[in-house]
């Protein structure tokens, strides 16, 4: 049985993040930025702090805080331990920010 989880993009323009899981294989269909959520906190001159790594993006719900999908150096920068990979692939439908963050 295939499991489909909509982690972004439902009822909004952009932010498409769909996780497909089947028989131990996990694939993201797109991994986009939510324009609506992003614009609530940031603008052209105010962006997430680079020094916080992924922290600001997790805090404001711009990226899902999921185990096993982020780079180990980003996790280490945030004081998190390395995680075993839980994602097998990411399929990007096209190269726009609402589909590829």
C-alpha atoms as a PDB file:
ATOM      1  CA  UNK A   1       0.000   0.000   0.000  1.00  0.00           C
ATOM      2  CA  UNK A   2       1.305   3.443  -0.913  1.00  0.00           C
ATOM      3  CA  UNK A   3       1.299   6.144   1.761  1.00  0.00           C
ATOM      4  CA  UNK A   4       0.929   9.740   0.548  1.00  0.00           C
ATOM      5  CA  UNK A   5       1.622  12.631   2.953  1.00  0.00           C
ATOM      6  CA  UNK A   6       0.974  16.211   1.868  1.00  0.00           C
ATOM      7  CA  UNK A   7       3.493  18.304   3.828  1.00  0.00           C
ATOM      8  CA  UNK A   8       2.922  21.553   1.955  1.00  0.00           C
ATOM      9  CA  UNK A   9       1.088  23.095  -0.960  1.00  0.00           C
ATOM     10  CA  UNK A  10      -2.412  22.015   0.066  1.00  0.00           C
ATOM     11  CA  UNK A  11      -4.772  24.950  -0.343  1.00  0.00           C
ATOM     12  CA  UNK A  12      -2.045  27.392  -1.304  1.00  0.00           C
ATOM     13  CA  UNK A  13       0.110  28.419  -4.228  1.00  0.00           C
ATOM     14  CA  UNK A  14       3.591  27.016  -3.814  1.00  0.00           C
ATOM     15  CA  UNK A  15       5.164  25.056  -1.025  1.00  0.00           C
ATOM     16  CA  UNK A  16       4.585  21.721  -2.740  1.00  0.00           C
ATOM     17  CA  UNK A  17       5.987  18.907  -0.591  1.00  0.00           C
ATOM     18  CA  UNK A  18       4.513  15.453  -1.150  1.00  0.00           C
ATOM     19  CA  UNK A  19       6.036  12.383   0.484  1.00  0.00           C
ATOM     20  CA  UNK A  20       5.368   8.983  -1.101  1.00  0.00           C
ATOM     21  CA  UNK A  21       6.237   5.853   0.886  1.00  0.00           C
ATOM     22  CA  UNK A  22       5.950   2.271  -0.312  1.00  0.00           C
ATOM     23  CA  UNK A  23       7.648  -0.921   0.859  1.00  0.00           C
ATOM     24  CA  UNK A  24      10.487   0.883   2.626  1.00  0.00           C
ATOM     25  CA  UNK A  25      11.106   3.423  -0.140  1.00  0.00           C
ATOM     26  CA  UNK A  26      10.526   7.143   0.498  1.00  0.00           C
ATOM     27  CA  UNK A  27      10.374   9.725  -2.292  1.00  0.00           C
ATOM     28  CA  UNK A  28       9.584  13.429  -2.123  1.00  0.00           C
ATOM     29  CA  UNK A  29       7.678  14.889  -5.054  1.00  0.00           C
ATOM     30  CA  UNK A  30       8.876  18.488  -5.051  1.00  0.00           C
ATOM     31  CA  UNK A  31      10.279  20.316  -2.025  1.00  0.00           C
ATOM     32  CA  UNK A  32       9.064  23.867  -2.528  1.00  0.00           C
ATOM     33  CA  UNK A  33       8.820  27.114  -0.623  1.00  0.00           C
ATOM     34  CA  UNK A  34       5.451  28.367   0.590  1.00  0.00           C
ATOM     35  CA  UNK A  35       5.179  31.937  -0.676  1.00  0.00           C
ATOM     36  CA  UNK A  36       2.375  32.738   1.767  1.00  0.00           C
ATOM     37  CA  UNK A  37       4.182  31.467   4.869  1.00  0.00           C
ATOM     38  CA  UNK A  38       7.519  32.936   3.774  1.00  0.00           C
ATOM     39  CA  UNK A  39       5.960  36.390   3.230  1.00  0.00           C
ATOM     40  CA  UNK A  40       4.523  36.380   6.775  1.00  0.00           C
ATOM     41  CA  UNK A  41       8.058  36.534   8.202  1.00  0.00           C
ATOM     42  CA  UNK A  42      10.468  37.612   5.491  1.00  0.00           C
ATOM     43  CA  UNK A  43      10.743  40.014   2.564  1.00  0.00           C
ATOM     44  CA  UNK A  44      13.299  41.179   0.018  1.00  0.00           C
ATOM     45  CA  UNK A  45      15.465  42.815   2.721  1.00  0.00           C
ATOM     46  CA  UNK A  46      14.736  40.491   5.664  1.00  0.00           C
ATOM     47  CA  UNK A  47      15.749  36.848   5.219  1.00  0.00           C
ATOM     48  CA  UNK A  48      16.313  33.855   7.514  1.00  0.00           C
ATOM     49  CA  UNK A  49      19.559  34.168   9.465  1.00  0.00           C
ATOM     50  CA  UNK A  50      22.369  32.223   7.816  1.00  0.00           C
ATOM     51  CA  UNK A  51      23.999  31.701  11.209  1.00  0.00           C
ATOM     52  CA  UNK A  52      20.982  29.691  12.415  1.00  0.00           C
ATOM     53  CA  UNK A  53      21.339  27.112   9.653  1.00  0.00           C
ATOM     54  CA  UNK A  54      17.958  25.512   9.190  1.00  0.00           C
ATOM     55  CA  UNK A  55      16.697  26.729  12.585  1.00  0.00           C
ATOM     56  CA  UNK A  56      14.686  29.733  11.372  1.00  0.00           C
ATOM     57  CA  UNK A  57      13.208  27.700   8.521  1.00  0.00           C
ATOM     58  CA  UNK A  58      12.055  25.024  10.996  1.00  0.00           C
ATOM     59  CA  UNK A  59      10.836  27.590  13.549  1.00  0.00           C
ATOM     60  CA  UNK A  60       8.556  29.346  11.066  1.00  0.00           C
ATOM     61  CA  UNK A  61       7.317  26.186   9.360  1.00  0.00           C
ATOM     62  CA  UNK A  62       9.087  26.878   6.068  1.00  0.00           C
ATOM     63  CA  UNK A  63      10.765  23.449   6.093  1.00  0.00           C
ATOM     64  CA  UNK A  64       9.457  20.291   7.727  1.00  0.00           C
ATOM     65  CA  UNK A  65      11.561  19.248  10.732  1.00  0.00           C
ATOM     66  CA  UNK A  66      11.932  15.620   9.670  1.00  0.00           C
ATOM     67  CA  UNK A  67      14.621  13.127  10.583  1.00  0.00           C
ATOM     68  CA  UNK A  68      17.011  11.792   7.977  1.00  0.00           C
ATOM     69  CA  UNK A  69      16.544  14.237   5.108  1.00  0.00           C
ATOM     70  CA  UNK A  70      18.953  17.112   5.798  1.00  0.00           C
ATOM     71  CA  UNK A  71      22.719  17.380   5.320  1.00  0.00           C
ATOM     72  CA  UNK A  72      24.854  16.318   8.266  1.00  0.00           C
ATOM     73  CA  UNK A  73      26.874  19.567   8.229  1.00  0.00           C
ATOM     74  CA  UNK A  74      23.656  21.595   8.612  1.00  0.00           C
ATOM     75  CA  UNK A  75      22.548  19.399  11.504  1.00  0.00           C
ATOM     76  CA  UNK A  76      25.958  19.673  13.188  1.00  0.00           C
ATOM     77  CA  UNK A  77      25.848  23.473  12.840  1.00  0.00           C
ATOM     78  CA  UNK A  78      22.566  23.436  14.779  1.00  0.00           C
ATOM     79  CA  UNK A  79      23.998  21.131  17.475  1.00  0.00           C
ATOM     80  CA  UNK A  80      22.044  18.114  16.269  1.00  0.00           C
ATOM     81  CA  UNK A  81      23.519  14.647  15.863  1.00  0.00           C
ATOM     82  CA  UNK A  82      23.885  12.989  12.469  1.00  0.00           C
ATOM     83  CA  UNK A  83      20.783  11.077  11.382  1.00  0.00           C
ATOM     84  CA  UNK A  84      20.401   7.955   9.319  1.00  0.00           C
ATOM     85  CA  UNK A  85      19.024   8.727   5.848  1.00  0.00           C
ATOM     86  CA  UNK A  86      15.283   8.178   5.577  1.00  0.00           C
ATOM     87  CA  UNK A  87      14.737   9.513   2.057  1.00  0.00           C
ATOM     88  CA  UNK A  88      15.613   7.641  -1.118  1.00  0.00           C
ATOM     89  CA  UNK A  89      14.974  10.346  -3.719  1.00  0.00           C
ATOM     90  CA  UNK A  90      13.542  13.769  -4.504  1.00  0.00           C
ATOM     91  CA  UNK A  91      11.738  14.265  -7.798  1.00  0.00           C
ATOM     92  CA  UNK A  92      11.419  17.927  -8.808  1.00  0.00           C
ATOM     93  CA  UNK A  93       8.696  18.585 -11.353  1.00  0.00           C
ATOM     94  CA  UNK A  94      10.365  21.840 -12.456  1.00  0.00           C
ATOM     95  CA  UNK A  95      12.886  24.405 -11.221  1.00  0.00           C
ATOM     96  CA  UNK A  96      10.673  27.114  -9.722  1.00  0.00           C
ATOM     97  CA  UNK A  97      11.033  28.144  -6.055  1.00  0.00           C
ATOM     98  CA  UNK A  98       7.517  26.911  -5.236  1.00  0.00           C
ATOM     99  CA  UNK A  99       8.646  23.385  -6.205  1.00  0.00           C
ATOM    100  CA  UNK A 100      12.378  23.416  -5.338  1.00  0.00           C
ATOM    101  CA  UNK A 101      13.462  25.326  -2.251  1.00  0.00           C
END
